[in-house]
Structure formats: structure tokens, C-alpha cells
Amino acid sequence: MDFKTVKAEPSTVTRDIRQFDEKTGNIYEAVTIISRRANQVALQMKEELHEKLDDFKSHSDNLEEIFENREQIEVSKFYEKLPKPTLIAVSEFLDDKIYYRNTSDEKA
């Protein structure tokens, strides 16, 4: 996932609850879908951040190097400014970018 092109709001927004149950017919099912997607996004963000920060790891503990590494600070600031995973998941859900299915409907 390319986090540079995410179109989610950077802060929380009051939403009409009817927007969520229109798609699924059940508000609790919609919240479950959004929460699972938010967990996936959070895991992707965490893995990507750790991959980028692993480049800056040093085996020697030199305090001067730790405080003067501007590239590492810029990477960290970028991820801090990104919208939270829940906001990304809500945006994707409302824009119909999340595929979901109800397995209990398939068994019947």
C-alpha cells in the first residue's frame, strides 16, 4: 500500500452512522469490517516503517550518530503525519475499496 497517496482525513470527522449500515445492513458488521481492515493497515504501516528504519541501524552505540541522523527523523515524521489506520479503513469502506463477504450467508 502506498501511504503517500492515501486520501483519508488526517484527523477525526463526525460521520452519519447511516452511511455505515447502508452497505452491510448492520452497523456491527460494518464496524467489524472496518476494524479488521484497520488492523491490516496498521500491520502494513508498522512493517514498512521497521524496514525503512532497519537501514539506519548501527551496531555501535554512538550518541552523536543517533541524534544527528536527519534521514531517520524525516522518515519518522512522515509516518507520524499519516492518518491513523482506523481513518484509512473508514475512508476505504465508505469509498467501496474494501472487499468483504459474510460467510454465514454462504452456509445457508
N, C-alpha and C. Protein backbone atom coordinates (compact mmCIF):
# COMPACT_ATOMS: atom_id res chain seq x y z
N MET A 1 0.85 -1.18 0.00
CA MET A 1 0.00 0.00 0.00
C MET A 1 0.89 1.24 0.00
N ASP A 2 0.55 2.17 -0.84
CA ASP A 2 1.32 3.40 -0.93
C ASP A 2 0.66 4.44 -0.02
N PHE A 3 1.31 4.73 1.09
CA PHE A 3 0.73 5.64 2.07
C PHE A 3 0.83 7.10 1.65
N LYS A 4 1.61 7.40 0.62
CA LYS A 4 1.71 8.78 0.14
C LYS A 4 0.45 9.23 -0.58
N THR A 5 -0.30 8.26 -1.12
CA THR A 5 -1.49 8.60 -1.90
C THR A 5 -2.80 8.36 -1.15
N VAL A 6 -2.73 8.15 0.13
CA VAL A 6 -3.94 7.90 0.93
C VAL A 6 -4.77 9.17 1.00
N LYS A 7 -6.08 9.03 0.75
CA LYS A 7 -6.98 10.18 0.72
C LYS A 7 -7.83 10.31 1.98
N ALA A 8 -7.40 9.73 3.07
CA ALA A 8 -8.16 9.80 4.32
C ALA A 8 -7.88 11.12 5.03
N GLU A 9 -8.83 11.54 5.87
CA GLU A 9 -8.66 12.77 6.64
C GLU A 9 -7.57 12.55 7.70
N PRO A 10 -6.78 13.56 7.98
CA PRO A 10 -5.71 13.40 8.96
C PRO A 10 -6.21 13.41 10.42
N SER A 11 -7.44 13.87 10.63
CA SER A 11 -7.99 13.87 11.99
C SER A 11 -9.42 13.34 11.94
N THR A 12 -9.98 13.12 13.11
CA THR A 12 -11.31 12.53 13.17
C THR A 12 -12.38 13.48 12.64
N VAL A 13 -13.42 12.89 12.09
CA VAL A 13 -14.52 13.63 11.49
C VAL A 13 -15.82 13.01 12.01
N THR A 14 -16.79 13.83 12.34
CA THR A 14 -18.09 13.32 12.74
C THR A 14 -18.80 12.77 11.51
N ARG A 15 -19.30 11.55 11.62
CA ARG A 15 -19.94 10.90 10.48
C ARG A 15 -21.36 10.48 10.82
N ASP A 16 -22.17 10.39 9.80
CA ASP A 16 -23.53 9.90 9.95
C ASP A 16 -23.49 8.38 10.03
N ILE A 17 -24.03 7.81 11.07
CA ILE A 17 -23.96 6.37 11.28
C ILE A 17 -24.70 5.60 10.20
N ARG A 18 -25.65 6.22 9.55
CA ARG A 18 -26.42 5.55 8.50
C ARG A 18 -25.57 5.24 7.26
N GLN A 19 -24.44 5.95 7.11
CA GLN A 19 -23.55 5.66 5.99
C GLN A 19 -22.96 4.26 6.10
N PHE A 20 -22.76 3.81 7.33
CA PHE A 20 -22.10 2.53 7.54
C PHE A 20 -23.05 1.36 7.35
N ASP A 21 -24.28 1.47 7.84
CA ASP A 21 -25.17 0.32 7.73
C ASP A 21 -25.89 0.25 6.38
N GLU A 22 -25.71 1.24 5.52
CA GLU A 22 -26.28 1.17 4.17
C GLU A 22 -25.64 0.04 3.38
N LYS A 23 -24.35 -0.13 3.53
CA LYS A 23 -23.61 -1.10 2.74
C LYS A 23 -23.79 -2.53 3.21
N THR A 24 -23.91 -2.73 4.51
CA THR A 24 -23.99 -4.08 5.06
C THR A 24 -25.37 -4.42 5.62
N GLY A 25 -26.14 -3.42 5.96
CA GLY A 25 -27.43 -3.67 6.59
C GLY A 25 -27.33 -3.83 8.10
N ASN A 26 -26.13 -3.79 8.63
CA ASN A 26 -25.92 -4.00 10.05
C ASN A 26 -24.72 -3.16 10.49
N ILE A 27 -24.94 -2.27 11.43
CA ILE A 27 -23.86 -1.38 11.88
C ILE A 27 -22.70 -2.16 12.52
N TYR A 28 -23.02 -3.22 13.23
CA TYR A 28 -21.99 -4.01 13.90
C TYR A 28 -21.12 -4.76 12.90
N GLU A 29 -21.73 -5.22 11.83
CA GLU A 29 -20.96 -5.88 10.79
C GLU A 29 -20.03 -4.88 10.10
N ALA A 30 -20.51 -3.67 9.88
CA ALA A 30 -19.68 -2.63 9.26
C ALA A 30 -18.51 -2.27 10.15
N VAL A 31 -18.75 -2.16 11.45
CA VAL A 31 -17.67 -1.83 12.39
C VAL A 31 -16.64 -2.95 12.43
N THR A 32 -17.09 -4.20 12.35
CA THR A 32 -16.17 -5.33 12.34
C THR A 32 -15.30 -5.32 11.09
N ILE A 33 -15.90 -5.03 9.96
CA ILE A 33 -15.15 -4.96 8.70
C ILE A 33 -14.11 -3.86 8.77
N ILE A 34 -14.51 -2.70 9.27
CA ILE A 34 -13.59 -1.57 9.37
C ILE A 34 -12.46 -1.87 10.35
N SER A 35 -12.77 -2.50 11.47
CA SER A 35 -11.73 -2.78 12.46
C SER A 35 -10.73 -3.80 11.95
N ARG A 36 -11.20 -4.79 11.21
CA ARG A 36 -10.27 -5.77 10.65
C ARG A 36 -9.36 -5.14 9.60
N ARG A 37 -9.93 -4.26 8.79
CA ARG A 37 -9.11 -3.57 7.79
C ARG A 37 -8.11 -2.63 8.47
N ALA A 38 -8.54 -1.97 9.54
CA ALA A 38 -7.63 -1.08 10.27
C ALA A 38 -6.46 -1.86 10.85
N ASN A 39 -6.70 -3.06 11.33
CA ASN A 39 -5.62 -3.91 11.84
C ASN A 39 -4.64 -4.27 10.73
N GLN A 40 -5.17 -4.57 9.54
CA GLN A 40 -4.31 -4.88 8.40
C GLN A 40 -3.45 -3.68 8.01
N VAL A 41 -4.07 -2.51 7.96
CA VAL A 41 -3.34 -1.28 7.58
C VAL A 41 -2.26 -0.98 8.63
N ALA A 42 -2.60 -1.12 9.90
CA ALA A 42 -1.63 -0.85 10.97
C ALA A 42 -0.44 -1.79 10.87
N LEU A 43 -0.69 -3.05 10.57
CA LEU A 43 0.39 -4.01 10.43
C LEU A 43 1.27 -3.67 9.24
N GLN A 44 0.65 -3.27 8.12
CA GLN A 44 1.43 -2.87 6.94
C GLN A 44 2.30 -1.65 7.23
N MET A 45 1.71 -0.68 7.92
CA MET A 45 2.46 0.54 8.25
C MET A 45 3.64 0.20 9.16
N LYS A 46 3.40 -0.63 10.14
CA LYS A 46 4.44 -1.00 11.09
C LYS A 46 5.58 -1.74 10.39
N GLU A 47 5.24 -2.70 9.53
CA GLU A 47 6.27 -3.45 8.82
C GLU A 47 7.09 -2.55 7.91
N GLU A 48 6.40 -1.65 7.19
CA GLU A 48 7.10 -0.75 6.28
C GLU A 48 8.02 0.20 7.03
N LEU A 49 7.55 0.71 8.16
CA LEU A 49 8.38 1.61 8.96
C LEU A 49 9.60 0.88 9.50
N HIS A 50 9.43 -0.33 9.99
CA HIS A 50 10.57 -1.09 10.50
C HIS A 50 11.58 -1.42 9.42
N GLU A 51 11.09 -1.70 8.20
CA GLU A 51 12.01 -1.95 7.09
C GLU A 51 12.85 -0.71 6.79
N LYS A 52 12.22 0.44 6.79
CA LYS A 52 12.96 1.67 6.49
C LYS A 52 13.92 2.05 7.62
N LEU A 53 13.51 1.81 8.85
CA LEU A 53 14.38 2.16 9.97
C LEU A 53 15.51 1.16 10.16
N ASP A 54 15.36 -0.06 9.64
CA ASP A 54 16.44 -1.04 9.73
C ASP A 54 17.67 -0.59 8.95
N ASP A 55 17.47 0.24 7.93
CA ASP A 55 18.60 0.76 7.17
C ASP A 55 19.50 1.65 8.03
N PHE A 56 18.93 2.23 9.07
CA PHE A 56 19.67 3.18 9.90
C PHE A 56 20.29 2.52 11.13
N LYS A 57 20.06 1.24 11.32
CA LYS A 57 20.59 0.55 12.50
C LYS A 57 22.11 0.54 12.45
N SER A 58 22.68 0.79 13.58
CA SER A 58 24.13 0.69 13.69
C SER A 58 24.45 -0.26 14.84
N HIS A 59 25.55 -0.94 14.69
CA HIS A 59 25.92 -1.91 15.71
C HIS A 59 26.70 -1.27 16.86
N SER A 60 27.14 -0.07 16.64
CA SER A 60 27.84 0.65 17.71
C SER A 60 26.90 1.70 18.30
N ASP A 61 26.93 1.84 19.57
CA ASP A 61 26.06 2.80 20.24
C ASP A 61 26.80 4.12 20.43
N ASN A 62 26.72 4.96 19.44
CA ASN A 62 27.34 6.26 19.48
C ASN A 62 26.22 7.30 19.55
N LEU A 63 26.15 8.04 20.63
CA LEU A 63 25.07 9.00 20.83
C LEU A 63 25.07 10.11 19.78
N GLU A 64 26.22 10.49 19.29
CA GLU A 64 26.28 11.54 18.29
C GLU A 64 25.58 11.10 17.00
N GLU A 65 25.76 9.85 16.62
CA GLU A 65 25.14 9.34 15.41
C GLU A 65 23.62 9.25 15.58
N ILE A 66 23.17 8.89 16.74
CA ILE A 66 21.74 8.72 16.98
C ILE A 66 21.01 10.05 16.87
N PHE A 67 21.55 11.09 17.44
CA PHE A 67 20.86 12.37 17.45
C PHE A 67 21.03 13.16 16.15
N GLU A 68 22.01 12.84 15.34
CA GLU A 68 22.27 13.62 14.14
C GLU A 68 21.76 12.96 12.86
N ASN A 69 21.05 11.87 12.96
CA ASN A 69 20.59 11.19 11.76
C ASN A 69 19.29 11.82 11.27
N ARG A 70 19.42 12.79 10.39
CA ARG A 70 18.27 13.56 9.88
C ARG A 70 17.35 12.71 9.01
N GLU A 71 17.91 11.79 8.25
CA GLU A 71 17.08 10.95 7.38
C GLU A 71 16.12 10.10 8.20
N GLN A 72 16.62 9.56 9.29
CA GLN A 72 15.77 8.75 10.17
C GLN A 72 14.67 9.61 10.78
N ILE A 73 14.99 10.81 11.14
CA ILE A 73 13.99 11.72 11.72
C ILE A 73 12.93 12.05 10.68
N GLU A 74 13.31 12.28 9.44
CA GLU A 74 12.35 12.58 8.37
C GLU A 74 11.41 11.41 8.11
N VAL A 75 11.95 10.20 8.12
CA VAL A 75 11.11 9.01 7.92
C VAL A 75 10.10 8.89 9.06
N SER A 76 10.55 9.09 10.27
CA SER A 76 9.67 9.01 11.43
C SER A 76 8.59 10.08 11.39
N LYS A 77 8.95 11.29 11.00
CA LYS A 77 7.97 12.37 10.91
C LYS A 77 6.92 12.09 9.85
N PHE A 78 7.34 11.50 8.74
CA PHE A 78 6.39 11.16 7.68
C PHE A 78 5.32 10.21 8.20
N TYR A 79 5.75 9.17 8.92
CA TYR A 79 4.79 8.19 9.43
C TYR A 79 3.94 8.76 10.56
N GLU A 80 4.45 9.71 11.30
CA GLU A 80 3.66 10.34 12.35
C GLU A 80 2.55 11.22 11.76
N LYS A 81 2.80 11.81 10.60
CA LYS A 81 1.82 12.70 9.98
C LYS A 81 0.73 11.95 9.21
N LEU A 82 0.93 10.68 8.94
CA LEU A 82 -0.07 9.90 8.21
C LEU A 82 -1.36 9.78 9.02
N PRO A 83 -2.49 9.63 8.33
CA PRO A 83 -3.75 9.38 9.06
C PRO A 83 -3.66 8.05 9.81
N LYS A 84 -4.39 7.95 10.88
CA LYS A 84 -4.41 6.73 11.67
C LYS A 84 -5.03 5.59 10.85
N PRO A 85 -4.67 4.35 11.13
CA PRO A 85 -5.21 3.22 10.38
C PRO A 85 -6.74 3.14 10.40
N THR A 86 -7.35 3.52 11.49
CA THR A 86 -8.82 3.48 11.54
C THR A 86 -9.42 4.49 10.57
N LEU A 87 -8.81 5.66 10.44
CA LEU A 87 -9.32 6.66 9.50
C LEU A 87 -9.14 6.21 8.06
N ILE A 88 -8.04 5.53 7.79
CA ILE A 88 -7.82 4.99 6.45
C ILE A 88 -8.86 3.92 6.14
N ALA A 89 -9.12 3.04 7.11
CA ALA A 89 -10.08 1.96 6.92
C ALA A 89 -11.50 2.50 6.71
N VAL A 90 -11.88 3.51 7.47
CA VAL A 90 -13.21 4.11 7.30
C VAL A 90 -13.33 4.73 5.91
N SER A 91 -12.30 5.43 5.49
CA SER A 91 -12.32 6.05 4.17
C SER A 91 -12.43 4.99 3.07
N GLU A 92 -11.68 3.91 3.19
CA GLU A 92 -11.75 2.84 2.21
C GLU A 92 -13.13 2.18 2.20
N PHE A 93 -13.71 1.99 3.37
CA PHE A 93 -15.03 1.37 3.47
C PHE A 93 -16.09 2.23 2.80
N LEU A 94 -16.07 3.52 3.07
CA LEU A 94 -17.07 4.41 2.50
C LEU A 94 -16.88 4.61 1.00
N ASP A 95 -15.66 4.44 0.51
CA ASP A 95 -15.38 4.56 -0.93
C ASP A 95 -15.49 3.23 -1.66
N ASP A 96 -15.97 2.19 -0.98
CA ASP A 96 -16.14 0.85 -1.55
C ASP A 96 -14.83 0.27 -2.07
N LYS A 97 -13.76 0.47 -1.34
CA LYS A 97 -12.46 -0.08 -1.72
C LYS A 97 -12.10 -1.34 -0.93
N ILE A 98 -13.00 -1.78 -0.05
CA ILE A 98 -12.76 -2.96 0.75
C ILE A 98 -13.67 -4.08 0.25
N TYR A 99 -13.07 -5.22 -0.03
CA TYR A 99 -13.85 -6.40 -0.40
C TYR A 99 -14.16 -7.16 0.87
N TYR A 100 -15.41 -7.50 1.06
CA TYR A 100 -15.80 -8.30 2.23
C TYR A 100 -16.94 -9.21 1.84
N ARG A 101 -17.10 -10.28 2.61
CA ARG A 101 -18.20 -11.21 2.38
C ARG A 101 -18.61 -11.80 3.71
N ASN A 102 -19.84 -12.18 3.80
CA ASN A 102 -20.38 -12.76 5.02
C ASN A 102 -20.46 -14.27 4.82
N THR A 103 -19.63 -15.01 5.54
CA THR A 103 -19.58 -16.46 5.36
C THR A 103 -20.82 -17.15 5.91
N SER A 104 -21.52 -16.54 6.85
CA SER A 104 -22.73 -17.18 7.38
C SER A 104 -23.83 -17.20 6.33
N ASP A 105 -23.84 -16.25 5.39
CA ASP A 105 -24.82 -16.24 4.31
C ASP A 105 -24.54 -17.36 3.31
N GLU A 106 -23.27 -17.73 3.14
CA GLU A 106 -22.89 -18.75 2.18
C GLU A 106 -23.29 -20.15 2.65
N LYS A 107 -23.32 -20.38 3.97
CA LYS A 107 -23.64 -21.70 4.51
C LYS A 107 -25.14 -21.99 4.40
N ALA A 108 -25.97 -20.98 4.41
CA ALA A 108 -27.41 -21.18 4.38
C ALA A 108 -27.93 -21.55 3.02
